[in-house]
Amino acid sequence: MSQSFKRPATDLFAAMWTAQSGQCALCGQAMLRNRYETVHARLWAKHRATIDHILPVSKGGTDDPGNLQLAHAQCNKVKGNRR
């Protein structure tokens, strides 16, 4: 399944992007705005912004905006279902 070339265009995503200044909540590095900011699709797949649950759903977390943050896809994957 291919990843979108652009970040999601939702109000929640935009608010989180602004609040975090485009920085990953897990590693603190800048996230990519769109696929064209990098030379290779694999880099986009790892460094694109994804929505992370601070307290994972599997541990009782909810989809409430207070439990969400943006993180690189790779950082989110490494974190898994840990808090």
C-alpha atoms as a PDB file:
ATOM      1  CA  MET A   1       0.000   0.000   0.000  1.00  0.00           C
ATOM      2  CA  SER A   2       1.490   3.321  -0.987  1.00  0.00           C
ATOM      3  CA  GLN A   3       1.643   6.308   1.305  1.00  0.00           C
ATOM      4  CA  SER A   4       0.080   9.637   0.398  1.00  0.00           C
ATOM      5  CA  PHE A   5       2.506  12.221  -0.928  1.00  0.00           C
ATOM      6  CA  LYS A   6       0.978  14.859   1.360  1.00  0.00           C
ATOM      7  CA  ARG A   7       0.223  14.983   5.056  1.00  0.00           C
ATOM      8  CA  PRO A   8      -3.440  14.610   6.070  1.00  0.00           C
ATOM      9  CA  ALA A   9      -5.511  17.748   5.562  1.00  0.00           C
ATOM     10  CA  THR A  10      -7.562  17.632   8.752  1.00  0.00           C
ATOM     11  CA  ASP A  11      -8.026  20.378  11.319  1.00  0.00           C
ATOM     12  CA  LEU A  12      -6.714  18.138  14.110  1.00  0.00           C
ATOM     13  CA  PHE A  13      -3.578  17.219  12.172  1.00  0.00           C
ATOM     14  CA  ALA A  14      -2.942  20.867  11.279  1.00  0.00           C
ATOM     15  CA  ALA A  15      -3.373  21.942  14.917  1.00  0.00           C
ATOM     16  CA  MET A  16      -0.963  19.243  16.144  1.00  0.00           C
ATOM     17  CA  TRP A  17       1.563  20.143  13.407  1.00  0.00           C
ATOM     18  CA  THR A  18       1.465  23.793  14.484  1.00  0.00           C
ATOM     19  CA  ALA A  19       1.615  23.003  18.210  1.00  0.00           C
ATOM     20  CA  GLN A  20       4.638  20.735  17.685  1.00  0.00           C
ATOM     21  CA  SER A  21       6.270  23.100  15.158  1.00  0.00           C
ATOM     22  CA  GLY A  22       6.598  20.182  12.747  1.00  0.00           C
ATOM     23  CA  GLN A  23       8.819  18.266  15.196  1.00  0.00           C
ATOM     24  CA  CYS A  24       8.462  14.588  16.078  1.00  0.00           C
ATOM     25  CA  ALA A  25       7.175  14.204  19.644  1.00  0.00           C
ATOM     26  CA  LEU A  26       9.370  11.139  20.176  1.00  0.00           C
ATOM     27  CA  CYS A  27      12.783  12.140  18.779  1.00  0.00           C
ATOM     28  CA  GLY A  28      12.449  15.928  18.427  1.00  0.00           C
ATOM     29  CA  GLN A  29      13.622  16.006  14.805  1.00  0.00           C
ATOM     30  CA  ALA A  30      11.766  17.739  11.969  1.00  0.00           C
ATOM     31  CA  MET A  31       9.100  15.769  10.116  1.00  0.00           C
ATOM     32  CA  LEU A  32       8.590  16.016   6.354  1.00  0.00           C
ATOM     33  CA  ARG A  33       5.676  18.108   5.090  1.00  0.00           C
ATOM     34  CA  ASN A  34       5.297  16.139   1.855  1.00  0.00           C
ATOM     35  CA  ARG A  35       6.969  13.489  -0.301  1.00  0.00           C
ATOM     36  CA  TYR A  36       8.729  16.104  -2.416  1.00  0.00           C
ATOM     37  CA  GLU A  37      10.901  17.286   0.498  1.00  0.00           C
ATOM     38  CA  THR A  38      13.000  14.130   0.167  1.00  0.00           C
ATOM     39  CA  VAL A  39      14.770  12.430  -2.699  1.00  0.00           C
ATOM     40  CA  HIS A  40      13.432   8.930  -2.153  1.00  0.00           C
ATOM     41  CA  ALA A  41      10.047   7.399  -1.364  1.00  0.00           C
ATOM     42  CA  ARG A  42      11.552   5.122   1.310  1.00  0.00           C
ATOM     43  CA  LEU A  43      12.761   8.181   3.237  1.00  0.00           C
ATOM     44  CA  TRP A  44       9.261   9.639   3.007  1.00  0.00           C
ATOM     45  CA  ALA A  45       7.804   6.392   4.339  1.00  0.00           C
ATOM     46  CA  LYS A  46      10.050   6.555   7.425  1.00  0.00           C
ATOM     47  CA  HIS A  47      10.038  10.300   8.101  1.00  0.00           C
ATOM     48  CA  ARG A  48       6.440  11.266   7.320  1.00  0.00           C
ATOM     49  CA  ALA A  49       4.276  12.438  10.192  1.00  0.00           C
ATOM     50  CA  THR A  50       1.905   9.915  11.737  1.00  0.00           C
ATOM     51  CA  ILE A  51      -0.545  10.209  14.597  1.00  0.00           C
ATOM     52  CA  ASP A  52       0.708   8.441  17.727  1.00  0.00           C
ATOM     53  CA  HIS A  53      -1.357   7.570  20.791  1.00  0.00           C
ATOM     54  CA  ILE A  54       0.542   8.669  23.910  1.00  0.00           C
ATOM     55  CA  LEU A  55      -1.207   5.951  25.928  1.00  0.00           C
ATOM     56  CA  PRO A  56      -1.719   3.166  23.383  1.00  0.00           C
ATOM     57  CA  VAL A  57      -5.261   2.035  22.673  1.00  0.00           C
ATOM     58  CA  SER A  58      -4.190  -1.496  23.641  1.00  0.00           C
ATOM     59  CA  LYS A  59      -3.372  -0.149  27.122  1.00  0.00           C
ATOM     60  CA  GLY A  60      -6.643   1.763  27.549  1.00  0.00           C
ATOM     61  CA  GLY A  61      -5.828   4.927  25.597  1.00  0.00           C
ATOM     62  CA  THR A  62      -8.466   6.773  23.594  1.00  0.00           C
ATOM     63  CA  ASP A  63      -8.651   8.783  20.388  1.00  0.00           C
ATOM     64  CA  ASP A  64      -9.150  11.940  22.456  1.00  0.00           C
ATOM     65  CA  PRO A  65      -6.955  14.755  21.066  1.00  0.00           C
ATOM     66  CA  GLY A  66      -5.217  15.023  24.454  1.00  0.00           C
ATOM     67  CA  ASN A  67      -3.888  11.482  23.949  1.00  0.00           C
ATOM     68  CA  LEU A  68      -2.547  12.140  20.446  1.00  0.00           C
ATOM     69  CA  GLN A  69       0.760  13.482  19.152  1.00  0.00           C
ATOM     70  CA  LEU A  70       2.618  13.490  15.847  1.00  0.00           C
ATOM     71  CA  ALA A  71       5.656  11.284  15.342  1.00  0.00           C
ATOM     72  CA  HIS A  72       7.777  10.037  12.453  1.00  0.00           C
ATOM     73  CA  ALA A  73       6.392   6.779  11.067  1.00  0.00           C
ATOM     74  CA  GLN A  74       9.638   5.020  12.030  1.00  0.00           C
ATOM     75  CA  CYS A  75       9.648   6.454  15.584  1.00  0.00           C
ATOM     76  CA  ASN A  76       6.001   5.460  16.002  1.00  0.00           C
ATOM     77  CA  LYS A  77       6.765   1.926  14.793  1.00  0.00           C
ATOM     78  CA  VAL A  78       9.745   1.557  17.154  1.00  0.00           C
ATOM     79  CA  LYS A  79       7.658   2.821  20.093  1.00  0.00           C
ATOM     80  CA  GLY A  80       5.026   0.177  19.394  1.00  0.00           C
ATOM     81  CA  ASN A  81       2.480  -0.107  22.177  1.00  0.00           C
ATOM     82  CA  ARG A  82       4.774   1.267  24.885  1.00  0.00           C
ATOM     83  CA  ARG A  83       3.942   4.491  26.651  1.00  0.00           C
END
